[in-house]
Amino acid sequence: MTKLTDQVYTTLRRQIMGGDLAPDEQVKEERIAKLLDVSRTPVRAAMNRLTRDGLLYREPSRGFFVSTWNTDDIKEVFDLRIQIESKAAGLAALRATPEQINILLDLSIKMDELVRTKPEGYLKKIQEKNRKFHSTLMEASRSKRLAEIAKNLVEIPITIGFYIYSEEDMKRSMNHHRELVHAIKIGSENYASEVMTVHLRAALCTFIISRDKNESMHLRKSTLPVD
């Protein structure tokens, strides 16, 4: 059941983040179960998990609906993250301890391995290690103010884009992680800051391109002539 729940969760999360499911659109258990050829139990479990993530909300007696996250909201969040995390990456290059650098290196290696081998549930595992990577980098900056400001931004579920990444997008992101570790290891403040800016800007572009593509598809479908 856990495996089925993970599969339903991954499918629904991709649809939400990619714009296949529109903000405030109702997500019906029965329809999803029929579409994915599973019982309603794993669908309900996955939807409850997405609700805890903040990607769905539930209305009494009505069911589950997609949370409202428009493109402008996402751009604003990423613009703030770029300013804060790029500064933190630069500070980490100056202040990181050898232990923190080793943790970042180990996480980047493990994420590479997950992308290469794709074991069951690998997207969730990459997401968890990515979160640890960014939090470790923030700790390495030794800036309590930056860490406090970044905390809520980094945890916004819809900005974690691995569920809509292509193979090329994923490899590019992993390359950024390795380059960040290198920049921090050699102590280059500007290098680390610029790599983080590129890393987050690429993530935003991937997200926007995915949503624009789906919005265009929806528009074409809505303008098709009815026979």
C-alpha atoms as a PDB file:
ATOM      1  CA  MET A   1       0.000   0.000   0.000  1.00  0.00           C
ATOM      2  CA  THR A   2       2.876   2.344   0.763  1.00  0.00           C
ATOM      3  CA  LYS A   3       4.274   1.774  -2.729  1.00  0.00           C
ATOM      4  CA  LEU A   4       0.904   2.530  -4.337  1.00  0.00           C
ATOM      5  CA  THR A   5       0.501   5.633  -2.176  1.00  0.00           C
ATOM      6  CA  ASP A   6       3.930   6.882  -3.276  1.00  0.00           C
ATOM      7  CA  GLN A   7       3.041   6.296  -6.930  1.00  0.00           C
ATOM      8  CA  VAL A   8      -0.248   8.188  -6.633  1.00  0.00           C
ATOM      9  CA  TYR A   9       1.458  10.959  -4.658  1.00  0.00           C
ATOM     10  CA  THR A  10       4.188  11.380  -7.295  1.00  0.00           C
ATOM     11  CA  THR A  11       1.651  11.448 -10.149  1.00  0.00           C
ATOM     12  CA  LEU A  12      -0.603  14.006  -8.461  1.00  0.00           C
ATOM     13  CA  ARG A  13       2.303  16.155  -7.358  1.00  0.00           C
ATOM     14  CA  ARG A  14       3.644  16.301 -10.907  1.00  0.00           C
ATOM     15  CA  GLN A  15       0.202  17.284 -12.192  1.00  0.00           C
ATOM     16  CA  ILE A  16      -0.178  20.036  -9.588  1.00  0.00           C
ATOM     17  CA  MET A  17       3.307  21.468 -10.036  1.00  0.00           C
ATOM     18  CA  GLY A  18       3.163  21.172 -13.803  1.00  0.00           C
ATOM     19  CA  GLY A  19      -0.177  22.964 -14.006  1.00  0.00           C
ATOM     20  CA  ASP A  20      -2.212  19.976 -15.243  1.00  0.00           C
ATOM     21  CA  LEU A  21      -4.439  20.513 -12.230  1.00  0.00           C
ATOM     22  CA  ALA A  22      -5.474  24.149 -11.970  1.00  0.00           C
ATOM     23  CA  PRO A  23      -5.622  26.185  -8.743  1.00  0.00           C
ATOM     24  CA  ASP A  24      -8.893  25.578  -6.851  1.00  0.00           C
ATOM     25  CA  GLU A  25      -9.738  22.633  -9.128  1.00  0.00           C
ATOM     26  CA  GLN A  26     -11.441  19.786  -7.282  1.00  0.00           C
ATOM     27  CA  VAL A  27      -9.515  16.506  -7.160  1.00  0.00           C
ATOM     28  CA  LYS A  28     -11.911  13.585  -6.798  1.00  0.00           C
ATOM     29  CA  GLU A  29     -10.754  10.332  -5.198  1.00  0.00           C
ATOM     30  CA  GLU A  30     -12.962   8.150  -7.366  1.00  0.00           C
ATOM     31  CA  ARG A  31     -11.763   9.735 -10.622  1.00  0.00           C
ATOM     32  CA  ILE A  32      -8.073   9.471  -9.666  1.00  0.00           C
ATOM     33  CA  ALA A  33      -8.495   5.867  -8.514  1.00  0.00           C
ATOM     34  CA  LYS A  34     -10.155   4.928 -11.816  1.00  0.00           C
ATOM     35  CA  LEU A  35      -7.573   6.838 -13.862  1.00  0.00           C
ATOM     36  CA  LEU A  36      -4.614   5.174 -12.128  1.00  0.00           C
ATOM     37  CA  ASP A  37      -6.336   1.789 -11.768  1.00  0.00           C
ATOM     38  CA  VAL A  38      -5.932   1.604  -7.985  1.00  0.00           C
ATOM     39  CA  SER A  39      -8.305   1.479  -5.036  1.00  0.00           C
ATOM     40  CA  ARG A  40      -9.418   4.676  -3.292  1.00  0.00           C
ATOM     41  CA  THR A  41      -7.350   3.871  -0.173  1.00  0.00           C
ATOM     42  CA  PRO A  42      -3.899   4.811  -1.574  1.00  0.00           C
ATOM     43  CA  VAL A  43      -5.475   7.778  -3.366  1.00  0.00           C
ATOM     44  CA  ARG A  44      -6.913   9.084  -0.105  1.00  0.00           C
ATOM     45  CA  ALA A  45      -3.579   8.550   1.673  1.00  0.00           C
ATOM     46  CA  ALA A  46      -1.706  10.404  -1.091  1.00  0.00           C
ATOM     47  CA  MET A  47      -4.179  13.278  -1.040  1.00  0.00           C
ATOM     48  CA  ASN A  48      -3.897  13.592   2.725  1.00  0.00           C
ATOM     49  CA  ARG A  49      -0.119  13.749   2.327  1.00  0.00           C
ATOM     50  CA  LEU A  50      -0.432  16.443  -0.359  1.00  0.00           C
ATOM     51  CA  THR A  51      -2.704  18.373   1.991  1.00  0.00           C
ATOM     52  CA  ARG A  52      -0.027  18.265   4.698  1.00  0.00           C
ATOM     53  CA  ASP A  53       2.441  19.508   2.070  1.00  0.00           C
ATOM     54  CA  GLY A  54       0.188  22.463   1.326  1.00  0.00           C
ATOM     55  CA  LEU A  55      -0.459  21.468  -2.287  1.00  0.00           C
ATOM     56  CA  LEU A  56      -4.086  20.530  -1.658  1.00  0.00           C
ATOM     57  CA  TYR A  57      -6.676  21.870   0.756  1.00  0.00           C
ATOM     58  CA  ARG A  58      -9.804  20.177   2.030  1.00  0.00           C
ATOM     59  CA  GLU A  59     -13.265  21.623   2.430  1.00  0.00           C
ATOM     60  CA  PRO A  60     -15.736  19.840   4.755  1.00  0.00           C
ATOM     61  CA  SER A  61     -18.363  17.844   2.876  1.00  0.00           C
ATOM     62  CA  ARG A  62     -16.854  18.914  -0.479  1.00  0.00           C
ATOM     63  CA  GLY A  63     -13.497  17.168  -0.747  1.00  0.00           C
ATOM     64  CA  PHE A  64      -9.995  18.088  -1.914  1.00  0.00           C
ATOM     65  CA  PHE A  65      -8.990  21.081  -4.031  1.00  0.00           C
ATOM     66  CA  VAL A  66      -5.704  22.317  -5.531  1.00  0.00           C
ATOM     67  CA  SER A  67      -4.067  25.089  -3.514  1.00  0.00           C
ATOM     68  CA  THR A  68      -3.673  28.432  -5.252  1.00  0.00           C
ATOM     69  CA  TRP A  69      -0.124  29.055  -6.501  1.00  0.00           C
ATOM     70  CA  ASN A  70       0.100  31.217  -9.590  1.00  0.00           C
ATOM     71  CA  THR A  71       3.175  31.924 -11.674  1.00  0.00           C
ATOM     72  CA  ASP A  72       3.699  35.384 -10.194  1.00  0.00           C
ATOM     73  CA  ASP A  73       3.746  33.889  -6.679  1.00  0.00           C
ATOM     74  CA  ILE A  74       6.418  31.396  -7.690  1.00  0.00           C
ATOM     75  CA  LYS A  75       8.555  34.044  -9.415  1.00  0.00           C
ATOM     76  CA  GLU A  76       8.419  36.190  -6.300  1.00  0.00           C
ATOM     77  CA  VAL A  77       9.484  33.303  -4.070  1.00  0.00           C
ATOM     78  CA  PHE A  78      12.383  32.375  -6.335  1.00  0.00           C
ATOM     79  CA  ASP A  79      13.543  35.974  -6.680  1.00  0.00           C
ATOM     80  CA  LEU A  80      13.733  36.201  -2.894  1.00  0.00           C
ATOM     81  CA  ARG A  81      15.489  32.841  -2.656  1.00  0.00           C
ATOM     82  CA  ILE A  82      18.072  33.927  -5.220  1.00  0.00           C
ATOM     83  CA  GLN A  83      18.937  37.025  -3.214  1.00  0.00           C
ATOM     84  CA  ILE A  84      19.114  35.221   0.117  1.00  0.00           C
ATOM     85  CA  GLU A  85      20.661  31.877  -0.838  1.00  0.00           C
ATOM     86  CA  SER A  86      23.215  33.371  -3.217  1.00  0.00           C
ATOM     87  CA  LYS A  87      24.445  35.566  -0.380  1.00  0.00           C
ATOM     88  CA  ALA A  88      24.479  32.544   1.936  1.00  0.00           C
ATOM     89  CA  ALA A  89      26.473  30.479  -0.588  1.00  0.00           C
ATOM     90  CA  GLY A  90      29.091  33.219  -0.791  1.00  0.00           C
ATOM     91  CA  LEU A  91      29.357  33.383   2.986  1.00  0.00           C
ATOM     92  CA  ALA A  92      29.586  29.580   3.164  1.00  0.00           C
ATOM     93  CA  ALA A  93      32.628  29.733   0.887  1.00  0.00           C
ATOM     94  CA  LEU A  94      34.280  31.914   3.508  1.00  0.00           C
ATOM     95  CA  ARG A  95      32.983  30.235   6.671  1.00  0.00           C
ATOM     96  CA  ALA A  96      32.197  26.549   6.053  1.00  0.00           C
ATOM     97  CA  THR A  97      33.985  24.024   8.236  1.00  0.00           C
ATOM     98  CA  PRO A  98      35.700  20.968   6.716  1.00  0.00           C
ATOM     99  CA  GLU A  99      32.952  18.822   8.242  1.00  0.00           C
ATOM    100  CA  GLN A 100      30.208  20.873   6.561  1.00  0.00           C
ATOM    101  CA  ILE A 101      32.011  20.702   3.216  1.00  0.00           C
ATOM    102  CA  ASN A 102      32.239  16.908   3.569  1.00  0.00           C
ATOM    103  CA  ILE A 103      28.504  16.730   4.322  1.00  0.00           C
ATOM    104  CA  LEU A 104      27.715  18.785   1.210  1.00  0.00           C
ATOM    105  CA  LEU A 105      30.005  16.601  -0.880  1.00  0.00           C
ATOM    106  CA  ASP A 106      28.472  13.394   0.462  1.00  0.00           C
ATOM    107  CA  LEU A 107      24.942  14.660  -0.237  1.00  0.00           C
ATOM    108  CA  SER A 108      25.841  15.661  -3.796  1.00  0.00           C
ATOM    109  CA  ILE A 109      27.374  12.216  -4.431  1.00  0.00           C
ATOM    110  CA  LYS A 110      24.309  10.426  -3.043  1.00  0.00           C
ATOM    111  CA  MET A 111      21.944  12.564  -5.139  1.00  0.00           C
ATOM    112  CA  ASP A 112      23.998  11.765  -8.241  1.00  0.00           C
ATOM    113  CA  GLU A 113      23.710   8.080  -7.441  1.00  0.00           C
ATOM    114  CA  LEU A 114      19.930   8.313  -7.005  1.00  0.00           C
ATOM    115  CA  VAL A 115      19.570  10.057 -10.377  1.00  0.00           C
ATOM    116  CA  ARG A 116      21.742   7.415 -12.030  1.00  0.00           C
ATOM    117  CA  THR A 117      20.147   4.299 -10.511  1.00  0.00           C
ATOM    118  CA  LYS A 118      16.557   5.506  -9.962  1.00  0.00           C
ATOM    119  CA  PRO A 119      15.586   3.132  -7.131  1.00  0.00           C
ATOM    120  CA  GLU A 120      11.997   2.947  -5.917  1.00  0.00           C
ATOM    121  CA  GLY A 121      10.932   6.273  -4.416  1.00  0.00           C
ATOM    122  CA  TYR A 122      14.065   8.024  -5.668  1.00  0.00           C
ATOM    123  CA  LEU A 123      12.358  11.384  -6.266  1.00  0.00           C
ATOM    124  CA  LYS A 124      11.298  11.606  -2.631  1.00  0.00           C
ATOM    125  CA  LYS A 125      14.812  10.633  -1.524  1.00  0.00           C
ATOM    126  CA  ILE A 126      16.392  13.270  -3.783  1.00  0.00           C
ATOM    127  CA  GLN A 127      13.985  15.855  -2.416  1.00  0.00           C
ATOM    128  CA  GLU A 128      14.981  14.998   1.163  1.00  0.00           C
ATOM    129  CA  LYS A 129      18.712  15.148   0.393  1.00  0.00           C
ATOM    130  CA  ASN A 130      18.285  18.361  -1.569  1.00  0.00           C
ATOM    131  CA  ARG A 131      16.575  19.947   1.432  1.00  0.00           C
ATOM    132  CA  LYS A 132      19.445  18.776   3.635  1.00  0.00           C
ATOM    133  CA  PHE A 133      21.978  20.153   1.131  1.00  0.00           C
ATOM    134  CA  HIS A 134      20.438  23.623   1.153  1.00  0.00           C
ATOM    135  CA  SER A 135      19.960  23.676   4.932  1.00  0.00           C
ATOM    136  CA  THR A 136      23.586  22.595   5.483  1.00  0.00           C
ATOM    137  CA  LEU A 137      24.787  25.317   3.137  1.00  0.00           C
ATOM    138  CA  MET A 138      22.686  27.838   5.052  1.00  0.00           C
ATOM    139  CA  GLU A 139      24.194  26.652   8.348  1.00  0.00           C
ATOM    140  CA  ALA A 140      27.660  26.954   6.832  1.00  0.00           C
ATOM    141  CA  SER A 141      26.989  30.637   6.091  1.00  0.00           C
ATOM    142  CA  ARG A 142      26.739  31.205   9.872  1.00  0.00           C
ATOM    143  CA  SER A 143      24.184  33.928   9.342  1.00  0.00           C
ATOM    144  CA  LYS A 144      21.210  33.526  11.657  1.00  0.00           C
ATOM    145  CA  ARG A 145      19.368  36.370   9.950  1.00  0.00           C
ATOM    146  CA  LEU A 146      19.652  34.817   6.487  1.00  0.00           C
ATOM    147  CA  ALA A 147      18.701  31.396   7.842  1.00  0.00           C
ATOM    148  CA  GLU A 148      15.583  32.763   9.510  1.00  0.00           C
ATOM    149  CA  ILE A 149      14.478  34.627   6.383  1.00  0.00           C
ATOM    150  CA  ALA A 150      15.162  31.628   4.112  1.00  0.00           C
ATOM    151  CA  LYS A 151      13.432  29.055   6.309  1.00  0.00           C
ATOM    152  CA  ASN A 152       9.885  29.585   5.044  1.00  0.00           C
ATOM    153  CA  LEU A 153      10.897  30.157   1.427  1.00  0.00           C
ATOM    154  CA  VAL A 154      12.881  26.924   1.112  1.00  0.00           C
ATOM    155  CA  GLU A 155      10.095  24.851   2.657  1.00  0.00           C
ATOM    156  CA  ILE A 156       7.376  25.948   0.216  1.00  0.00           C
ATOM    157  CA  PRO A 157       6.542  22.559  -1.371  1.00  0.00           C
ATOM    158  CA  ILE A 158       5.681  23.761  -4.844  1.00  0.00           C
ATOM    159  CA  THR A 159       9.153  25.267  -5.350  1.00  0.00           C
ATOM    160  CA  ILE A 160      10.730  21.819  -5.066  1.00  0.00           C
ATOM    161  CA  GLY A 161      10.664  20.938  -8.739  1.00  0.00           C
ATOM    162  CA  PHE A 162      12.126  17.449  -9.030  1.00  0.00           C
ATOM    163  CA  TYR A 163       8.694  15.969  -9.716  1.00  0.00           C
ATOM    164  CA  ILE A 164       8.506  17.822 -13.039  1.00  0.00           C
ATOM    165  CA  TYR A 165      12.206  17.639 -13.987  1.00  0.00           C
ATOM    166  CA  SER A 166      13.272  15.921 -17.170  1.00  0.00           C
ATOM    167  CA  GLU A 167      16.379  13.756 -17.146  1.00  0.00           C
ATOM    168  CA  GLU A 168      18.368  16.686 -18.561  1.00  0.00           C
ATOM    169  CA  ASP A 169      16.979  19.080 -15.937  1.00  0.00           C
ATOM    170  CA  MET A 170      17.890  16.649 -13.171  1.00  0.00           C
ATOM    171  CA  LYS A 171      21.464  16.185 -14.375  1.00  0.00           C
ATOM    172  CA  ARG A 172      21.901  19.953 -14.704  1.00  0.00           C
ATOM    173  CA  SER A 173      20.728  20.453 -11.120  1.00  0.00           C
ATOM    174  CA  MET A 174      23.110  17.788  -9.835  1.00  0.00           C
ATOM    175  CA  ASN A 175      25.975  19.447 -11.717  1.00  0.00           C
ATOM    176  CA  HIS A 176      25.146  22.714  -9.962  1.00  0.00           C
ATOM    177  CA  HIS A 177      25.371  20.959  -6.592  1.00  0.00           C
ATOM    178  CA  ARG A 178      28.814  19.599  -7.397  1.00  0.00           C
ATOM    179  CA  GLU A 179      29.982  22.985  -8.633  1.00  0.00           C
ATOM    180  CA  LEU A 180      28.673  24.654  -5.481  1.00  0.00           C
ATOM    181  CA  VAL A 181      30.651  22.241  -3.333  1.00  0.00           C
ATOM    182  CA  HIS A 182      33.770  22.959  -5.396  1.00  0.00           C
ATOM    183  CA  ALA A 183      33.316  26.737  -5.102  1.00  0.00           C
ATOM    184  CA  ILE A 184      32.860  26.483  -1.326  1.00  0.00           C
ATOM    185  CA  LYS A 185      35.787  24.102  -0.961  1.00  0.00           C
ATOM    186  CA  ILE A 186      38.191  26.497  -2.703  1.00  0.00           C
ATOM    187  CA  GLY A 187      36.800  29.431  -0.725  1.00  0.00           C
ATOM    188  CA  SER A 188      35.575  31.550  -3.660  1.00  0.00           C
ATOM    189  CA  GLU A 189      32.761  33.815  -2.429  1.00  0.00           C
ATOM    190  CA  ASN A 190      31.780  35.213  -5.844  1.00  0.00           C
ATOM    191  CA  TYR A 191      31.972  31.831  -7.568  1.00  0.00           C
ATOM    192  CA  ALA A 192      29.706  30.172  -4.991  1.00  0.00           C
ATOM    193  CA  SER A 193      27.231  33.048  -5.091  1.00  0.00           C
ATOM    194  CA  GLU A 194      27.023  33.006  -8.884  1.00  0.00           C
ATOM    195  CA  VAL A 195      26.555  29.217  -9.065  1.00  0.00           C
ATOM    196  CA  MET A 196      23.677  29.410  -6.579  1.00  0.00           C
ATOM    197  CA  THR A 197      22.064  32.167  -8.641  1.00  0.00           C
ATOM    198  CA  VAL A 198      22.286  30.031 -11.793  1.00  0.00           C
ATOM    199  CA  HIS A 199      21.018  26.966  -9.883  1.00  0.00           C
ATOM    200  CA  LEU A 200      17.869  28.691  -8.639  1.00  0.00           C
ATOM    201  CA  ARG A 201      17.280  30.598 -11.870  1.00  0.00           C
ATOM    202  CA  ALA A 202      17.406  27.311 -13.799  1.00  0.00           C
ATOM    203  CA  ALA A 203      14.896  25.761 -11.368  1.00  0.00           C
ATOM    204  CA  LEU A 204      12.518  28.685 -11.890  1.00  0.00           C
ATOM    205  CA  CYS A 205      12.824  28.461 -15.687  1.00  0.00           C
ATOM    206  CA  THR A 206      12.074  24.724 -15.606  1.00  0.00           C
ATOM    207  CA  PHE A 207       8.983  25.370 -13.525  1.00  0.00           C
ATOM    208  CA  ILE A 208       7.715  28.236 -15.710  1.00  0.00           C
ATOM    209  CA  ILE A 209       8.330  26.359 -18.980  1.00  0.00           C
ATOM    210  CA  SER A 210       6.412  23.350 -17.645  1.00  0.00           C
ATOM    211  CA  ARG A 211       3.440  25.443 -16.556  1.00  0.00           C
ATOM    212  CA  ASP A 212       3.392  27.509 -19.761  1.00  0.00           C
ATOM    213  CA  LYS A 213       3.423  24.302 -21.806  1.00  0.00           C
ATOM    214  CA  ASN A 214       0.473  22.879 -19.912  1.00  0.00           C
ATOM    215  CA  GLU A 215      -1.459  26.170 -20.024  1.00  0.00           C
ATOM    216  CA  SER A 216      -0.952  26.255 -23.801  1.00  0.00           C
ATOM    217  CA  MET A 217      -2.231  22.684 -24.098  1.00  0.00           C
ATOM    218  CA  HIS A 218      -5.300  23.548 -22.016  1.00  0.00           C
ATOM    219  CA  LEU A 219      -5.955  26.575 -24.236  1.00  0.00           C
ATOM    220  CA  ARG A 220      -5.724  24.530 -27.441  1.00  0.00           C
ATOM    221  CA  LYS A 221      -8.095  21.922 -26.028  1.00  0.00           C
ATOM    222  CA  SER A 222     -10.612  24.579 -25.013  1.00  0.00           C
ATOM    223  CA  THR A 223     -10.647  26.089 -28.527  1.00  0.00           C
ATOM    224  CA  LEU A 224     -11.069  22.807 -30.413  1.00  0.00           C
ATOM    225  CA  PRO A 225     -14.310  22.700 -32.455  1.00  0.00           C
ATOM    226  CA  VAL A 226     -17.035  20.432 -31.165  1.00  0.00           C
ATOM    227  CA  ASP A 227     -18.165  17.803 -33.689  1.00  0.00           C
END
